[in-house]
């Protein structure tokens, strides 16, 4: 029986670059991205012992993985900014809107930095 391959070599390389670009995210949150061979890449989130990871998602497209990691990074940054304050009750969108324009621009500007690191065009 022939084993099906779900990701091309080209997309594997794109996914690996996207995963590598967000290395700082893995230090901030219980998130890890793994190359799972012919299946693509898997993002595992929210580790709780003894059950393991609460969520997983599989990616075979570098751009899709990049966008998912970008959203996780942005949400984590907003959470860390609002942690311990009433701002957190407004959700991530409310936290973002409560920031100064300069801080909003700084956060959004990081997407371009990550995109360059990952070799992804925006």
C-alpha atoms as a PDB file:
ATOM      1  CA  UNK A   1       0.000   0.000   0.000  1.00  0.00           C
ATOM      2  CA  UNK A   2       1.378   3.382  -1.027  1.00  0.00           C
ATOM      3  CA  UNK A   3       1.624   5.958   1.728  1.00  0.00           C
ATOM      4  CA  UNK A   4       0.029   9.278   0.839  1.00  0.00           C
ATOM      5  CA  UNK A   5       2.132  12.418   1.262  1.00  0.00           C
ATOM      6  CA  UNK A   6       0.152  15.474   2.327  1.00  0.00           C
ATOM      7  CA  UNK A   7       2.826  18.182   2.018  1.00  0.00           C
ATOM      8  CA  UNK A   8       5.185  19.083  -0.813  1.00  0.00           C
ATOM      9  CA  UNK A   9       8.891  19.626  -0.236  1.00  0.00           C
ATOM     10  CA  UNK A  10       8.424  23.292  -1.143  1.00  0.00           C
ATOM     11  CA  UNK A  11       5.685  23.782   1.462  1.00  0.00           C
ATOM     12  CA  UNK A  12       7.687  21.807   4.029  1.00  0.00           C
ATOM     13  CA  UNK A  13      10.520  24.314   3.637  1.00  0.00           C
ATOM     14  CA  UNK A  14       8.085  27.248   3.951  1.00  0.00           C
ATOM     15  CA  UNK A  15       6.481  25.743   7.043  1.00  0.00           C
ATOM     16  CA  UNK A  16       9.865  25.139   8.655  1.00  0.00           C
ATOM     17  CA  UNK A  17      10.906  28.754   8.041  1.00  0.00           C
ATOM     18  CA  UNK A  18       7.610  30.003   9.508  1.00  0.00           C
ATOM     19  CA  UNK A  19       8.001  27.757  12.560  1.00  0.00           C
ATOM     20  CA  UNK A  20      11.591  28.935  13.056  1.00  0.00           C
ATOM     21  CA  UNK A  21      10.630  32.619  12.724  1.00  0.00           C
ATOM     22  CA  UNK A  22       8.340  32.394  15.747  1.00  0.00           C
ATOM     23  CA  UNK A  23      10.850  30.750  18.106  1.00  0.00           C
ATOM     24  CA  UNK A  24      10.231  33.432  20.768  1.00  0.00           C
ATOM     25  CA  UNK A  25       6.554  32.438  20.897  1.00  0.00           C
ATOM     26  CA  UNK A  26       7.437  28.967  22.145  1.00  0.00           C
ATOM     27  CA  UNK A  27       9.192  30.532  25.136  1.00  0.00           C
ATOM     28  CA  UNK A  28       6.184  32.751  25.963  1.00  0.00           C
ATOM     29  CA  UNK A  29       3.398  30.180  25.710  1.00  0.00           C
ATOM     30  CA  UNK A  30       2.608  26.475  25.856  1.00  0.00           C
ATOM     31  CA  UNK A  31       2.841  26.195  22.083  1.00  0.00           C
ATOM     32  CA  UNK A  32       5.095  24.061  19.942  1.00  0.00           C
ATOM     33  CA  UNK A  33       5.217  23.415  16.195  1.00  0.00           C
ATOM     34  CA  UNK A  34       6.539  20.076  14.998  1.00  0.00           C
ATOM     35  CA  UNK A  35       7.412  18.620  11.615  1.00  0.00           C
ATOM     36  CA  UNK A  36       5.398  15.393  11.412  1.00  0.00           C
ATOM     37  CA  UNK A  37       6.848  14.099   8.181  1.00  0.00           C
ATOM     38  CA  UNK A  38       4.484  13.327   5.335  1.00  0.00           C
ATOM     39  CA  UNK A  39       1.559  14.833   7.261  1.00  0.00           C
ATOM     40  CA  UNK A  40       2.990  18.371   7.401  1.00  0.00           C
ATOM     41  CA  UNK A  41       3.434  20.411  10.569  1.00  0.00           C
ATOM     42  CA  UNK A  42       1.396  20.263  13.761  1.00  0.00           C
ATOM     43  CA  UNK A  43       0.862  23.122  16.197  1.00  0.00           C
ATOM     44  CA  UNK A  44       0.217  21.876  19.729  1.00  0.00           C
ATOM     45  CA  UNK A  45      -1.230  24.333  22.252  1.00  0.00           C
ATOM     46  CA  UNK A  46      -2.080  24.598  25.939  1.00  0.00           C
ATOM     47  CA  UNK A  47      -0.239  21.791  27.696  1.00  0.00           C
ATOM     48  CA  UNK A  48      -1.877  20.562  30.890  1.00  0.00           C
ATOM     49  CA  UNK A  49      -0.518  17.546  32.729  1.00  0.00           C
ATOM     50  CA  UNK A  50      -1.353  14.697  32.829  1.00  0.00           C
ATOM     51  CA  UNK A  51      -3.583  14.952  29.738  1.00  0.00           C
ATOM     52  CA  UNK A  52      -1.170  16.674  27.358  1.00  0.00           C
ATOM     53  CA  UNK A  53      -2.006  19.338  24.811  1.00  0.00           C
ATOM     54  CA  UNK A  54      -5.568  20.648  24.676  1.00  0.00           C
ATOM     55  CA  UNK A  55      -5.539  21.754  21.022  1.00  0.00           C
ATOM     56  CA  UNK A  56      -3.782  20.757  17.844  1.00  0.00           C
ATOM     57  CA  UNK A  57      -3.872  21.883  14.232  1.00  0.00           C
ATOM     58  CA  UNK A  58      -2.146  20.422  11.181  1.00  0.00           C
ATOM     59  CA  UNK A  59      -0.659  22.593   8.429  1.00  0.00           C
ATOM     60  CA  UNK A  60       0.522  21.761   4.920  1.00  0.00           C
ATOM     61  CA  UNK A  61       0.730  25.384   3.744  1.00  0.00           C
ATOM     62  CA  UNK A  62       3.501  27.730   4.896  1.00  0.00           C
ATOM     63  CA  UNK A  63       1.398  30.885   4.633  1.00  0.00           C
ATOM     64  CA  UNK A  64      -1.429  29.359   6.692  1.00  0.00           C
ATOM     65  CA  UNK A  65       1.029  28.270   9.390  1.00  0.00           C
ATOM     66  CA  UNK A  66       2.607  31.722   9.372  1.00  0.00           C
ATOM     67  CA  UNK A  67      -0.782  33.426   9.844  1.00  0.00           C
ATOM     68  CA  UNK A  68      -1.761  31.052  12.664  1.00  0.00           C
ATOM     69  CA  UNK A  69       1.541  31.649  14.448  1.00  0.00           C
ATOM     70  CA  UNK A  70       1.255  35.393  13.928  1.00  0.00           C
ATOM     71  CA  UNK A  71      -2.194  35.403  15.552  1.00  0.00           C
ATOM     72  CA  UNK A  72      -0.924  33.334  18.490  1.00  0.00           C
ATOM     73  CA  UNK A  73       2.052  35.674  18.934  1.00  0.00           C
ATOM     74  CA  UNK A  74      -0.120  38.800  18.808  1.00  0.00           C
ATOM     75  CA  UNK A  75      -2.703  37.347  21.219  1.00  0.00           C
ATOM     76  CA  UNK A  76       0.047  36.334  23.654  1.00  0.00           C
ATOM     77  CA  UNK A  77       1.626  39.790  23.528  1.00  0.00           C
ATOM     78  CA  UNK A  78      -1.763  41.432  24.161  1.00  0.00           C
ATOM     79  CA  UNK A  79      -2.440  39.032  27.020  1.00  0.00           C
ATOM     80  CA  UNK A  80       0.921  39.813  28.622  1.00  0.00           C
ATOM     81  CA  UNK A  81       0.297  43.551  28.278  1.00  0.00           C
ATOM     82  CA  UNK A  82      -3.152  43.327  29.891  1.00  0.00           C
ATOM     83  CA  UNK A  83      -2.462  40.586  32.456  1.00  0.00           C
ATOM     84  CA  UNK A  84      -3.576  41.673  35.907  1.00  0.00           C
ATOM     85  CA  UNK A  85      -5.493  44.698  34.625  1.00  0.00           C
ATOM     86  CA  UNK A  86      -9.169  45.331  33.856  1.00  0.00           C
ATOM     87  CA  UNK A  87      -8.185  45.689  30.183  1.00  0.00           C
ATOM     88  CA  UNK A  88      -8.106  41.902  29.911  1.00  0.00           C
ATOM     89  CA  UNK A  89     -11.887  41.764  30.326  1.00  0.00           C
ATOM     90  CA  UNK A  90     -12.250  43.565  26.978  1.00  0.00           C
ATOM     91  CA  UNK A  91     -10.719  40.693  25.036  1.00  0.00           C
ATOM     92  CA  UNK A  92      -7.757  40.916  22.707  1.00  0.00           C
ATOM     93  CA  UNK A  93      -9.451  43.360  20.342  1.00  0.00           C
ATOM     94  CA  UNK A  94     -10.313  45.654  23.255  1.00  0.00           C
ATOM     95  CA  UNK A  95      -6.796  45.433  24.633  1.00  0.00           C
ATOM     96  CA  UNK A  96      -5.348  46.319  21.224  1.00  0.00           C
ATOM     97  CA  UNK A  97      -7.710  49.263  20.796  1.00  0.00           C
ATOM     98  CA  UNK A  98      -6.784  50.505  24.286  1.00  0.00           C
ATOM     99  CA  UNK A  99      -3.113  50.782  23.364  1.00  0.00           C
ATOM    100  CA  UNK A 100      -1.483  53.934  22.084  1.00  0.00           C
ATOM    101  CA  UNK A 101      -1.211  54.251  18.314  1.00  0.00           C
ATOM    102  CA  UNK A 102       2.553  53.932  18.662  1.00  0.00           C
ATOM    103  CA  UNK A 103       2.268  50.628  20.552  1.00  0.00           C
ATOM    104  CA  UNK A 104      -0.304  49.349  18.039  1.00  0.00           C
ATOM    105  CA  UNK A 105       2.062  50.204  15.182  1.00  0.00           C
ATOM    106  CA  UNK A 106       4.970  48.543  16.984  1.00  0.00           C
ATOM    107  CA  UNK A 107       3.026  45.311  17.416  1.00  0.00           C
ATOM    108  CA  UNK A 108       1.690  45.279  13.846  1.00  0.00           C
ATOM    109  CA  UNK A 109       5.168  46.117  12.550  1.00  0.00           C
ATOM    110  CA  UNK A 110       6.464  42.885  14.040  1.00  0.00           C
ATOM    111  CA  UNK A 111       4.401  40.965  11.480  1.00  0.00           C
ATOM    112  CA  UNK A 112       6.632  42.318   8.716  1.00  0.00           C
ATOM    113  CA  UNK A 113       9.721  41.310  10.715  1.00  0.00           C
ATOM    114  CA  UNK A 114       8.409  37.769  11.144  1.00  0.00           C
ATOM    115  CA  UNK A 115       7.439  37.647   7.464  1.00  0.00           C
ATOM    116  CA  UNK A 116      10.988  38.569   6.412  1.00  0.00           C
ATOM    117  CA  UNK A 117      12.416  35.919   8.748  1.00  0.00           C
ATOM    118  CA  UNK A 118      10.008  33.328   7.337  1.00  0.00           C
ATOM    119  CA  UNK A 119      10.445  34.403   3.712  1.00  0.00           C
ATOM    120  CA  UNK A 120       6.697  35.010   3.466  1.00  0.00           C
ATOM    121  CA  UNK A 121       5.302  37.828   1.333  1.00  0.00           C
ATOM    122  CA  UNK A 122       2.540  39.861   2.930  1.00  0.00           C
END
